[in-house]
PDB file of all heavy atoms in Angstrom:
ATOM      1  N   GLU A   1      56.303  99.179  70.058  1.00  0.00           N
ATOM      2  CA  GLU A   1      56.617  98.242  71.144  1.00  0.00           C
ATOM      3  C   GLU A   1      58.065  97.765  71.087  1.00  0.00           C
ATOM      4  O   GLU A   1      58.723  97.628  72.121  1.00  0.00           O
ATOM      5  CB  GLU A   1      55.646  97.055  71.110  1.00  0.00           C
ATOM      6  CG  GLU A   1      54.199  97.435  71.422  1.00  0.00           C
ATOM      7  CD  GLU A   1      54.074  98.198  72.733  1.00  0.00           C
ATOM      8  OE1 GLU A   1      54.702  97.775  73.725  1.00  0.00           O
ATOM      9  OE2 GLU A   1      53.335  99.199  72.772  1.00  0.00           O
ATOM     10  N   LYS A   2      58.574  97.540  69.886  1.00  0.00           N
ATOM     11  CA  LYS A   2      59.978  97.136  69.742  1.00  0.00           C
ATOM     12  C   LYS A   2      60.913  98.242  70.214  1.00  0.00           C
ATOM     13  O   LYS A   2      61.935  97.983  70.863  1.00  0.00           O
ATOM     14  CB  LYS A   2      60.275  96.776  68.291  1.00  0.00           C
ATOM     15  CG  LYS A   2      59.618  95.494  67.809  1.00  0.00           C
ATOM     16  CD  LYS A   2      60.025  95.176  66.383  1.00  0.00           C
ATOM     17  CE  LYS A   2      59.374  93.875  65.906  1.00  0.00           C
ATOM     18  NZ  LYS A   2      59.759  93.557  64.510  1.00  0.00           N
ATOM     19  N   PHE A   3      60.548  99.467  69.896  1.00  0.00           N
ATOM     20  CA  PHE A   3      61.375 100.588  70.315  1.00  0.00           C
ATOM     21  C   PHE A   3      61.348 100.755  71.837  1.00  0.00           C
ATOM     22  O   PHE A   3      62.372 101.067  72.456  1.00  0.00           O
ATOM     23  CB  PHE A   3      60.898 101.874  69.629  1.00  0.00           C
ATOM     24  CG  PHE A   3      61.464 102.065  68.256  1.00  0.00           C
ATOM     25  CD1 PHE A   3      61.256 101.128  67.261  1.00  0.00           C
ATOM     26  CD2 PHE A   3      62.216 103.181  67.957  1.00  0.00           C
ATOM     27  CE1 PHE A   3      61.778 101.280  65.995  1.00  0.00           C
ATOM     28  CE2 PHE A   3      62.747 103.354  66.686  1.00  0.00           C
ATOM     29  CZ  PHE A   3      62.525 102.404  65.700  1.00  0.00           C
ATOM     30  N   LYS A   4      60.191 100.526  72.433  1.00  0.00           N
ATOM     31  CA  LYS A   4      60.067 100.667  73.888  1.00  0.00           C
ATOM     32  C   LYS A   4      60.872  99.591  74.619  1.00  0.00           C
ATOM     33  O   LYS A   4      61.283  99.778  75.770  1.00  0.00           O
ATOM     34  CB  LYS A   4      58.597 100.614  74.291  1.00  0.00           C
ATOM     35  CG  LYS A   4      57.826 101.879  73.887  1.00  0.00           C
ATOM     36  CD  LYS A   4      56.328 101.728  74.069  1.00  0.00           C
ATOM     37  CE  LYS A   4      55.930 101.667  75.505  1.00  0.00           C
ATOM     38  NZ  LYS A   4      54.450 101.649  75.676  1.00  0.00           N
ATOM     39  N   GLU A   5      61.085  98.458  73.954  1.00  0.00           N
ATOM     40  CA  GLU A   5      61.924  97.413  74.552  1.00  0.00           C
ATOM     41  C   GLU A   5      63.388  97.837  74.592  1.00  0.00           C
ATOM     42  O   GLU A   5      64.147  97.404  75.466  1.00  0.00           O
ATOM     43  CB  GLU A   5      61.782  96.117  73.751  1.00  0.00           C
ATOM     44  CG  GLU A   5      60.408  95.471  73.871  1.00  0.00           C
ATOM     45  CD  GLU A   5      60.274  94.259  72.952  1.00  0.00           C
ATOM     46  OE1 GLU A   5      61.294  93.915  72.293  1.00  0.00           O
ATOM     47  OE2 GLU A   5      59.179  93.675  72.874  1.00  0.00           O
ATOM     48  N   ILE A   6      63.787  98.693  73.658  1.00  0.00           N
ATOM     49  CA  ILE A   6      65.177  99.124  73.552  1.00  0.00           C
ATOM     50  C   ILE A   6      65.447 100.392  74.363  1.00  0.00           C
ATOM     51  O   ILE A   6      66.489 100.520  75.006  1.00  0.00           O
ATOM     52  CB  ILE A   6      65.546  99.362  72.074  1.00  0.00           C
ATOM     53  CG1 ILE A   6      65.493  98.040  71.301  1.00  0.00           C
ATOM     54  CG2 ILE A   6      66.926 100.007  71.935  1.00  0.00           C
ATOM     55  CD1 ILE A   6      65.705  98.204  69.818  1.00  0.00           C
ATOM     56  N   ILE A   7      64.487 101.319  74.331  1.00  0.00           N
ATOM     57  CA  ILE A   7      64.702 102.631  74.958  1.00  0.00           C
ATOM     58  C   ILE A   7      64.262 102.593  76.424  1.00  0.00           C
ATOM     59  O   ILE A   7      63.096 102.306  76.714  1.00  0.00           O
ATOM     60  CB  ILE A   7      63.905 103.720  74.210  1.00  0.00           C
ATOM     61  CG1 ILE A   7      64.265 103.715  72.717  1.00  0.00           C
ATOM     62  CG2 ILE A   7      64.178 105.093  74.816  1.00  0.00           C
ATOM     63  CD1 ILE A   7      63.347 104.581  71.871  1.00  0.00           C
ATOM     64  N   PRO A   8      65.139 102.893  77.378  1.00  0.00           N
ATOM     65  CA  PRO A   8      64.754 102.935  78.790  1.00  0.00           C
ATOM     66  C   PRO A   8      63.651 103.967  79.030  1.00  0.00           C
ATOM     67  O   PRO A   8      63.647 105.042  78.419  1.00  0.00           O
ATOM     68  CB  PRO A   8      66.051 103.346  79.500  1.00  0.00           C
ATOM     69  CG  PRO A   8      67.144 102.976  78.562  1.00  0.00           C
ATOM     70  CD  PRO A   8      66.577 103.154  77.186  1.00  0.00           C
ATOM     71  N   GLU A   9      62.742 103.629  79.890  1.00  0.00           N
ATOM     72  CA  GLU A   9      61.592 104.504  80.144  1.00  0.00           C
ATOM     73  C   GLU A   9      62.018 105.879  80.645  1.00  0.00           C
ATOM     74  O   GLU A   9      61.376 106.887  80.337  1.00  0.00           O
ATOM     75  CB  GLU A   9      60.660 103.838  81.166  1.00  0.00           C
ATOM     76  CG  GLU A   9      59.345 104.577  81.357  1.00  0.00           C
ATOM     77  CD  GLU A   9      58.402 103.816  82.265  1.00  0.00           C
ATOM     78  OE1 GLU A   9      58.627 102.612  82.496  1.00  0.00           O
ATOM     79  OE2 GLU A   9      57.438 104.434  82.750  1.00  0.00           O
ATOM     80  N   ASN A  10      63.111 105.926  81.405  1.00  0.00           N
ATOM     81  CA  ASN A  10      63.529 107.221  81.962  1.00  0.00           C
ATOM     82  C   ASN A  10      64.188 108.137  80.928  1.00  0.00           C
ATOM     83  O   ASN A  10      64.516 109.279  81.228  1.00  0.00           O
ATOM     84  CB  ASN A  10      64.474 107.022  83.154  1.00  0.00           C
ATOM     85  CG  ASN A  10      65.750 106.280  82.786  1.00  0.00           C
ATOM     86  OD1 ASN A  10      65.977 105.932  81.632  1.00  0.00           O
ATOM     87  ND2 ASN A  10      66.583 106.039  83.778  1.00  0.00           N
ATOM     88  N   LEU A  11      64.381 107.635  79.718  1.00  0.00           N
ATOM     89  CA  LEU A  11      64.895 108.474  78.637  1.00  0.00           C
ATOM     90  C   LEU A  11      63.776 109.084  77.798  1.00  0.00           C
ATOM     91  O   LEU A  11      63.978 110.080  77.107  1.00  0.00           O
ATOM     92  CB  LEU A  11      65.813 107.663  77.712  1.00  0.00           C
ATOM     93  CG  LEU A  11      67.301 107.573  78.066  1.00  0.00           C
ATOM     94  CD1 LEU A  11      68.049 106.806  76.985  1.00  0.00           C
ATOM     95  CD2 LEU A  11      67.918 108.946  78.256  1.00  0.00           C
ATOM     96  N   ILE A  12      62.599 108.469  77.878  1.00  0.00           N
ATOM     97  CA  ILE A  12      61.475 108.908  77.048  1.00  0.00           C
ATOM     98  C   ILE A  12      60.764 110.093  77.701  1.00  0.00           C
ATOM     99  O   ILE A  12      60.338 110.030  78.852  1.00  0.00           O
ATOM    100  CB  ILE A  12      60.485 107.757  76.810  1.00  0.00           C
ATOM    101  CG1 ILE A  12      61.174 106.621  76.045  1.00  0.00           C
ATOM    102  CG2 ILE A  12      59.267 108.259  76.028  1.00  0.00           C
ATOM    103  CD1 ILE A  12      60.300 105.393  75.854  1.00  0.00           C
ATOM    104  N   VAL A  13      60.660 111.185  76.942  1.00  0.00           N
ATOM    105  CA  VAL A  13      59.976 112.391  77.426  1.00  0.00           C
ATOM    106  C   VAL A  13      58.518 112.397  77.005  1.00  0.00           C
ATOM    107  O   VAL A  13      57.626 112.745  77.770  1.00  0.00           O
ATOM    108  CB  VAL A  13      60.682 113.660  76.897  1.00  0.00           C
ATOM    109  CG1 VAL A  13      59.927 114.923  77.324  1.00  0.00           C
ATOM    110  CG2 VAL A  13      62.124 113.712  77.396  1.00  0.00           C
ATOM    111  N   GLU A  14      58.266 111.973  75.763  1.00  0.00           N
ATOM    112  CA  GLU A  14      56.892 111.990  75.247  1.00  0.00           C
ATOM    113  C   GLU A  14      56.760 111.007  74.100  1.00  0.00           C
ATOM    114  O   GLU A  14      57.678 110.848  73.295  1.00  0.00           O
ATOM    115  CB  GLU A  14      56.516 113.394  74.752  1.00  0.00           C
ATOM    116  CG  GLU A  14      55.095 113.492  74.195  1.00  0.00           C
ATOM    117  CD  GLU A  14      54.798 114.834  73.556  1.00  0.00           C
ATOM    118  OE1 GLU A  14      55.688 115.356  72.840  1.00  0.00           O
ATOM    119  OE2 GLU A  14      53.700 115.359  73.768  1.00  0.00           O
ATOM    120  N   ILE A  15      55.615 110.351  74.049  1.00  0.00           N
ATOM    121  CA  ILE A  15      55.247 109.508  72.906  1.00  0.00           C
ATOM    122  C   ILE A  15      53.938 110.052  72.348  1.00  0.00           C
ATOM    123  O   ILE A  15      52.954 110.194  73.083  1.00  0.00           O
ATOM    124  CB  ILE A  15      55.082 108.030  73.300  1.00  0.00           C
ATOM    125  CG1 ILE A  15      56.426 107.436  73.737  1.00  0.00           C
ATOM    126  CG2 ILE A  15      54.517 107.217  72.132  1.00  0.00           C
ATOM    127  CD1 ILE A  15      56.332 106.012  74.238  1.00  0.00           C
ATOM    128  N   ARG A  16      53.945 110.354  71.063  1.00  0.00           N
ATOM    129  CA  ARG A  16      52.739 110.901  70.432  1.00  0.00           C
ATOM    130  C   ARG A  16      52.365 110.020  69.246  1.00  0.00           C
ATOM    131  O   ARG A  16      53.127 109.901  68.280  1.00  0.00           O
ATOM    132  CB  ARG A  16      52.976 112.332  69.981  1.00  0.00           C
ATOM    133  CG  ARG A  16      51.736 113.045  69.507  1.00  0.00           C
ATOM    134  CD  ARG A  16      51.903 114.534  69.563  1.00  0.00           C
ATOM    135  NE  ARG A  16      50.687 115.223  69.151  1.00  0.00           N
ATOM    136  CZ  ARG A  16      50.516 116.530  69.228  1.00  0.00           C
ATOM    137  NH1 ARG A  16      51.485 117.278  69.724  1.00  0.00           N
ATOM    138  NH2 ARG A  16      49.376 117.085  68.834  1.00  0.00           N
ATOM    139  N   GLN A  17      51.199 109.411  69.340  1.00  0.00           N
ATOM    140  CA  GLN A  17      50.764 108.471  68.305  1.00  0.00           C
ATOM    141  C   GLN A  17      49.740 109.103  67.370  1.00  0.00           C
ATOM    142  O   GLN A  17      49.316 110.245  67.542  1.00  0.00           O
ATOM    143  CB  GLN A  17      50.170 107.225  68.972  1.00  0.00           C
ATOM    144  CG  GLN A  17      51.122 106.499  69.916  1.00  0.00           C
ATOM    145  CD  GLN A  17      50.553 105.209  70.432  1.00  0.00           C
ATOM    146  OE1 GLN A  17      50.208 104.303  69.677  1.00  0.00           O
ATOM    147  NE2 GLN A  17      50.473 105.090  71.760  1.00  0.00           N
ATOM    148  N   ASN A  18      49.354 108.306  66.365  1.00  0.00           N
ATOM    149  CA  ASN A  18      48.310 108.697  65.414  1.00  0.00           C
ATOM    150  C   ASN A  18      48.661 109.979  64.664  1.00  0.00           C
ATOM    151  O   ASN A  18      47.855 110.901  64.543  1.00  0.00           O
ATOM    152  CB  ASN A  18      46.964 108.843  66.130  1.00  0.00           C
ATOM    153  CG  ASN A  18      46.538 107.562  66.806  1.00  0.00           C
ATOM    154  OD1 ASN A  18      46.643 106.480  66.232  1.00  0.00           O
ATOM    155  ND2 ASN A  18      46.074 107.658  68.060  1.00  0.00           N
ATOM    156  N   LEU A  19      49.884 110.010  64.139  1.00  0.00           N
ATOM    157  CA  LEU A  19      50.324 111.125  63.308  1.00  0.00           C
ATOM    158  C   LEU A  19      50.361 110.692  61.845  1.00  0.00           C
ATOM    159  O   LEU A  19      50.382 109.507  61.538  1.00  0.00           O
ATOM    160  CB  LEU A  19      51.717 111.591  63.732  1.00  0.00           C
ATOM    161  CG  LEU A  19      51.897 112.043  65.174  1.00  0.00           C
ATOM    162  CD1 LEU A  19      53.340 112.445  65.434  1.00  0.00           C
ATOM    163  CD2 LEU A  19      50.958 113.189  65.517  1.00  0.00           C
ATOM    164  N   SER A  20      50.371 111.672  60.973  1.00  0.00           N
ATOM    165  CA  SER A  20      50.514 111.422  59.538  1.00  0.00           C
ATOM    166  C   SER A  20      51.596 112.315  58.976  1.00  0.00           C
ATOM    167  O   SER A  20      51.795 113.439  59.441  1.00  0.00           O
ATOM    168  CB  SER A  20      49.196 111.682  58.804  1.00  0.00           C
ATOM    169  OG  SER A  20      48.217 110.735  59.165  1.00  0.00           O
ATOM    170  N   GLU A  21      52.274 111.805  57.964  1.00  0.00           N
ATOM    171  CA  GLU A  21      53.348 112.556  57.309  1.00  0.00           C
ATOM    172  C   GLU A  21      52.923 112.974  55.914  1.00  0.00           C
ATOM    173  O   GLU A  21      52.377 112.179  55.156  1.00  0.00           O
ATOM    174  CB  GLU A  21      54.603 111.690  57.218  1.00  0.00           C
ATOM    175  CG  GLU A  21      55.758 112.360  56.461  1.00  0.00           C
ATOM    176  CD  GLU A  21      56.874 111.377  56.123  1.00  0.00           C
ATOM    177  OE1 GLU A  21      56.697 110.595  55.152  1.00  0.00           O
ATOM    178  OE2 GLU A  21      57.889 111.388  56.835  1.00  0.00           O
ATOM    179  N   LEU A  22      53.181 114.229  55.598  1.00  0.00           N
ATOM    180  CA  LEU A  22      53.053 114.707  54.224  1.00  0.00           C
ATOM    181  C   LEU A  22      54.440 115.113  53.773  1.00  0.00           C
ATOM    182  O   LEU A  22      55.052 116.027  54.335  1.00  0.00           O
ATOM    183  CB  LEU A  22      52.106 115.904  54.133  1.00  0.00           C
ATOM    184  CG  LEU A  22      50.636 115.586  54.415  1.00  0.00           C
ATOM    185  CD1 LEU A  22      50.288 115.943  55.844  1.00  0.00           C
ATOM    186  CD2 LEU A  22      49.736 116.322  53.437  1.00  0.00           C
ATOM    187  N   SER A  23      54.944 114.408  52.793  1.00  0.00           N
ATOM    188  CA  SER A  23      56.287 114.671  52.286  1.00  0.00           C
ATOM    189  C   SER A  23      56.178 115.420  50.960  1.00  0.00           C
ATOM    190  O   SER A  23      55.523 114.966  50.030  1.00  0.00           O
ATOM    191  CB  SER A  23      57.056 113.361  52.080  1.00  0.00           C
ATOM    192  OG  SER A  23      58.340 113.609  51.548  1.00  0.00           O
ATOM    193  N   ILE A  24      56.790 116.586  50.918  1.00  0.00           N
ATOM    194  CA  ILE A  24      56.764 117.413  49.710  1.00  0.00           C
ATOM    195  C   ILE A  24      58.146 117.374  49.065  1.00  0.00           C
ATOM    196  O   ILE A  24      59.143 117.731  49.709  1.00  0.00           O
ATOM    197  CB  ILE A  24      56.411 118.874  50.034  1.00  0.00           C
ATOM    198  CG1 ILE A  24      55.142 118.943  50.886  1.00  0.00           C
ATOM    199  CG2 ILE A  24      56.250 119.685  48.760  1.00  0.00           C
ATOM    200  CD1 ILE A  24      54.936 120.279  51.554  1.00  0.00           C
ATOM    201  N   LYS A  25      58.214 116.929  47.837  1.00  0.00           N
ATOM    202  CA  LYS A  25      59.466 117.001  47.088  1.00  0.00           C
ATOM    203  C   LYS A  25      59.350 118.172  46.132  1.00  0.00           C
ATOM    204  O   LYS A  25      58.619 118.137  45.144  1.00  0.00           O
ATOM    205  CB  LYS A  25      59.744 115.713  46.309  1.00  0.00           C
ATOM    206  CG  LYS A  25      61.105 115.740  45.639  1.00  0.00           C
ATOM    207  CD  LYS A  25      61.485 114.403  45.031  1.00  0.00           C
ATOM    208  CE  LYS A  25      62.890 114.483  44.423  1.00  0.00           C
ATOM    209  NZ  LYS A  25      63.293 113.203  43.795  1.00  0.00           N
ATOM    210  N   PHE A  26      60.069 119.248  46.477  1.00  0.00           N
ATOM    211  CA  PHE A  26      59.947 120.476  45.708  1.00  0.00           C
ATOM    212  C   PHE A  26      60.573 120.357  44.331  1.00  0.00           C
ATOM    213  O   PHE A  26      61.521 119.601  44.119  1.00  0.00           O
ATOM    214  CB  PHE A  26      60.599 121.638  46.463  1.00  0.00           C
ATOM    215  CG  PHE A  26      59.862 122.057  47.697  1.00  0.00           C
ATOM    216  CD1 PHE A  26      60.428 121.900  48.943  1.00  0.00           C
ATOM    217  CD2 PHE A  26      58.603 122.611  47.595  1.00  0.00           C
ATOM    218  CE1 PHE A  26      59.755 122.287  50.085  1.00  0.00           C
ATOM    219  CE2 PHE A  26      57.915 123.004  48.728  1.00  0.00           C
ATOM    220  CZ  PHE A  26      58.487 122.838  49.978  1.00  0.00           C
ATOM    221  N   GLY A  27      60.030 121.152  43.418  1.00  0.00           N
ATOM    222  CA  GLY A  27      60.552 121.178  42.064  1.00  0.00           C
ATOM    223  C   GLY A  27      61.850 121.967  41.975  1.00  0.00           C
ATOM    224  O   GLY A  27      62.344 122.516  42.962  1.00  0.00           O
ATOM    225  N   ASN A  28      62.383 122.052  40.767  1.00  0.00           N
ATOM    226  CA  ASN A  28      63.637 122.756  40.537  1.00  0.00           C
ATOM    227  C   ASN A  28      63.541 124.218  40.954  1.00  0.00           C
ATOM    228  O   ASN A  28      62.512 124.868  40.756  1.00  0.00           O
ATOM    229  CB  ASN A  28      64.022 122.683  39.058  1.00  0.00           C
ATOM    230  CG  ASN A  28      64.357 121.272  38.628  1.00  0.00           C
ATOM    231  OD1 ASN A  28      64.759 120.439  39.439  1.00  0.00           O
ATOM    232  ND2 ASN A  28      64.197 120.984  37.343  1.00  0.00           N
ATOM    233  N   GLY A  29      64.625 124.712  41.536  1.00  0.00           N
ATOM    234  CA  GLY A  29      64.676 126.114  41.934  1.00  0.00           C
ATOM    235  C   GLY A  29      64.239 126.384  43.352  1.00  0.00           C
ATOM    236  O   GLY A  29      64.246 127.535  43.793  1.00  0.00           O
ATOM    237  N   SER A  30      63.862 125.352  44.089  1.00  0.00           N
ATOM    238  CA  SER A  30      63.338 125.544  45.440  1.00  0.00           C
ATOM    239  C   SER A  30      64.374 126.143  46.393  1.00  0.00           C
ATOM    240  O   SER A  30      64.032 126.923  47.284  1.00  0.00           O
ATOM    241  CB  SER A  30      62.828 124.223  46.012  1.00  0.00           C
ATOM    242  OG  SER A  30      63.855 123.247  46.054  1.00  0.00           O
ATOM    243  N   ARG A  31      65.634 125.803  46.186  1.00  0.00           N
ATOM    244  CA  ARG A  31      66.684 126.318  47.080  1.00  0.00           C
ATOM    245  C   ARG A  31      66.898 127.817  46.898  1.00  0.00           C
ATOM    246  O   ARG A  31      67.330 128.497  47.832  1.00  0.00           O
ATOM    247  CB  ARG A  31      68.007 125.584  46.832  1.00  0.00           C
ATOM    248  CG  ARG A  31      67.980 124.096  47.149  1.00  0.00           C
ATOM    249  CD  ARG A  31      69.316 123.455  46.829  1.00  0.00           C
ATOM    250  NE  ARG A  31      69.289 122.006  46.953  1.00  0.00           N
ATOM    251  CZ  ARG A  31      69.488 121.356  48.094  1.00  0.00           C
ATOM    252  NH1 ARG A  31      69.727 122.028  49.193  1.00  0.00           N
ATOM    253  NH2 ARG A  31      69.449 120.030  48.135  1.00  0.00           N
ATOM    254  N   LYS A  32      66.632 128.322  45.711  1.00  0.00           N
ATOM    255  CA  LYS A  32      66.935 129.721  45.413  1.00  0.00           C
ATOM    256  C   LYS A  32      65.703 130.622  45.422  1.00  0.00           C
ATOM    257  O   LYS A  32      65.837 131.839  45.272  1.00  0.00           O
ATOM    258  CB  LYS A  32      67.609 129.812  44.035  1.00  0.00           C
ATOM    259  CG  LYS A  32      68.930 129.061  43.949  1.00  0.00           C
ATOM    260  CD  LYS A  32      69.532 129.184  42.555  1.00  0.00           C
ATOM    261  CE  LYS A  32      70.860 128.443  42.460  1.00  0.00           C
ATOM    262  NZ  LYS A  32      71.452 128.545  41.102  1.00  0.00           N
ATOM    263  N   THR A  33      64.542 130.037  45.584  1.00  0.00           N
ATOM    264  CA  THR A  33      63.308 130.821  45.508  1.00  0.00           C
ATOM    265  C   THR A  33      62.855 131.254  46.898  1.00  0.00           C
ATOM    266  O   THR A  33      62.623 130.428  47.778  1.00  0.00           O
ATOM    267  CB  THR A  33      62.193 130.002  44.830  1.00  0.00           C
ATOM    268  OG1 THR A  33      62.634 129.597  43.538  1.00  0.00           O
ATOM    269  CG2 THR A  33      60.928 130.839  44.692  1.00  0.00           C
ATOM    270  N   VAL A  34      62.726 132.542  47.078  1.00  0.00           N
ATOM    271  CA  VAL A  34      62.313 133.094  48.363  1.00  0.00           C
ATOM    272  C   VAL A  34      60.818 132.867  48.584  1.00  0.00           C
ATOM    273  O   VAL A  34      60.008 133.101  47.687  1.00  0.00           O
ATOM    274  CB  VAL A  34      62.604 134.615  48.419  1.00  0.00           C
ATOM    275  CG1 VAL A  34      62.073 135.220  49.705  1.00  0.00           C
ATOM    276  CG2 VAL A  34      64.095 134.864  48.285  1.00  0.00           C
ATOM    277  N   GLY A  35      60.452 132.373  49.767  1.00  0.00           N
ATOM    278  CA  GLY A  35      59.050 132.320  50.149  1.00  0.00           C
ATOM    279  C   GLY A  35      58.319 131.024  49.887  1.00  0.00           C
ATOM    280  O   GLY A  35      57.109 130.952  50.118  1.00  0.00           O
ATOM    281  N   VAL A  36      59.018 129.991  49.417  1.00  0.00           N
ATOM    282  CA  VAL A  36      58.339 128.723  49.116  1.00  0.00           C
ATOM    283  C   VAL A  36      57.770 128.108  50.398  1.00  0.00           C
ATOM    284  O   VAL A  36      56.577 127.799  50.490  1.00  0.00           O
ATOM    285  CB  VAL A  36      59.287 127.728  48.420  1.00  0.00           C
ATOM    286  CG1 VAL A  36      58.605 126.375  48.250  1.00  0.00           C
ATOM    287  CG2 VAL A  36      59.718 128.256  47.068  1.00  0.00           C
ATOM    288  N   LEU A  37      58.619 127.924  51.388  1.00  0.00           N
ATOM    289  CA  LEU A  37      58.156 127.338  52.655  1.00  0.00           C
ATOM    290  C   LEU A  37      57.155 128.244  53.336  1.00  0.00           C
ATOM    291  O   LEU A  37      56.155 127.782  53.891  1.00  0.00           O
ATOM    292  CB  LEU A  37      59.344 127.073  53.580  1.00  0.00           C
ATOM    293  CG  LEU A  37      60.180 125.833  53.303  1.00  0.00           C
ATOM    294  CD1 LEU A  37      61.294 125.710  54.332  1.00  0.00           C
ATOM    295  CD2 LEU A  37      59.315 124.581  53.332  1.00  0.00           C
ATOM    296  N   ALA A  38      57.428 129.553  53.336  1.00  0.00           N
ATOM    297  CA  ALA A  38      56.527 130.502  54.000  1.00  0.00           C
ATOM    298  C   ALA A  38      55.126 130.440  53.395  1.00  0.00           C
ATOM    299  O   ALA A  38      54.117 130.520  54.118  1.00  0.00           O
ATOM    300  CB  ALA A  38      57.085 131.915  53.891  1.00  0.00           C
ATOM    301  N   THR A  39      55.054 130.282  52.078  1.00  0.00           N
ATOM    302  CA  THR A  39      53.756 130.203  51.403  1.00  0.00           C
ATOM    303  C   THR A  39      52.963 128.991  51.877  1.00  0.00           C
ATOM    304  O   THR A  39      51.776 129.089  52.206  1.00  0.00           O
ATOM    305  CB  THR A  39      53.962 130.128  49.874  1.00  0.00           C
ATOM    306  OG1 THR A  39      54.629 131.307  49.435  1.00  0.00           O
ATOM    307  CG2 THR A  39      52.627 129.997  49.151  1.00  0.00           C
ATOM    308  N   ILE A  40      53.624 127.857  51.929  1.00  0.00           N
ATOM    309  CA  ILE A  40      52.956 126.624  52.356  1.00  0.00           C
ATOM    310  C   ILE A  40      52.543 126.690  53.821  1.00  0.00           C
ATOM    311  O   ILE A  40      51.399 126.403  54.188  1.00  0.00           O
ATOM    312  CB  ILE A  40      53.873 125.413  52.108  1.00  0.00           C
ATOM    313  CG1 ILE A  40      53.960 125.117  50.616  1.00  0.00           C
ATOM    314  CG2 ILE A  40      53.369 124.176  52.854  1.00  0.00           C
ATOM    315  CD1 ILE A  40      54.921 124.026  50.267  1.00  0.00           C
ATOM    316  N   LEU A  41      53.471 127.090  54.672  1.00  0.00           N
ATOM    317  CA  LEU A  41      53.198 127.090  56.117  1.00  0.00           C
ATOM    318  C   LEU A  41      52.134 128.114  56.490  1.00  0.00           C
ATOM    319  O   LEU A  41      51.321 127.869  57.385  1.00  0.00           O
ATOM    320  CB  LEU A  41      54.492 127.354  56.888  1.00  0.00           C
ATOM    321  CG  LEU A  41      55.580 126.280  56.733  1.00  0.00           C
ATOM    322  CD1 LEU A  41      56.827 126.663  57.509  1.00  0.00           C
ATOM    323  CD2 LEU A  41      55.072 124.918  57.196  1.00  0.00           C
ATOM    324  N   SER A  42      52.129 129.263  55.807  1.00  0.00           N
ATOM    325  CA  SER A  42      51.108 130.276  56.113  1.00  0.00           C
ATOM    326  C   SER A  42      49.723 129.781  55.726  1.00  0.00           C
ATOM    327  O   SER A  42      48.741 130.015  56.444  1.00  0.00           O
ATOM    328  CB  SER A  42      51.425 131.593  55.402  1.00  0.00           C
ATOM    329  OG  SER A  42      51.364 131.450  53.994  1.00  0.00           O
ATOM    330  N   GLN A  43      49.614 129.055  54.604  1.00  0.00           N
ATOM    331  CA  GLN A  43      48.317 128.521  54.197  1.00  0.00           C
ATOM    332  C   GLN A  43      47.820 127.444  55.162  1.00  0.00           C
ATOM    333  O   GLN A  43      46.634 127.353  55.452  1.00  0.00           O
ATOM    334  CB  GLN A  43      48.405 127.957  52.774  1.00  0.00           C
ATOM    335  CG  GLN A  43      48.538 129.015  51.703  1.00  0.00           C
ATOM    336  CD  GLN A  43      47.376 129.994  51.702  1.00  0.00           C
ATOM    337  OE1 GLN A  43      46.212 129.594  51.754  1.00  0.00           O
ATOM    338  NE2 GLN A  43      47.685 131.269  51.684  1.00  0.00           N
ATOM    339  N   ILE A  44      48.741 126.636  55.665  1.00  0.00           N
ATOM    340  CA  ILE A  44      48.361 125.626  56.656  1.00  0.00           C
ATOM    341  C   ILE A  44      47.854 126.300  57.926  1.00  0.00           C
ATOM    342  O   ILE A  44      46.846 125.896  58.506  1.00  0.00           O
ATOM    343  CB  ILE A  44      49.553 124.700  56.959  1.00  0.00           C
ATOM    344  CG1 ILE A  44      49.857 123.824  55.736  1.00  0.00           C
ATOM    345  CG2 ILE A  44      49.275 123.816  58.174  1.00  0.00           C
ATOM    346  CD1 ILE A  44      51.105 122.973  55.875  1.00  0.00           C
TER     347      ILE A  44
END
């Protein structure tokens, strides 16, 4: 509601509620390891 008071209605394209966040903090080597994200996303 606070955000809607600030943002003009004609700027808003979509509001989607009732979401959840899963934050993954990868271990060492994640930047150099091929397939980490692909493995997770394919299983989902």
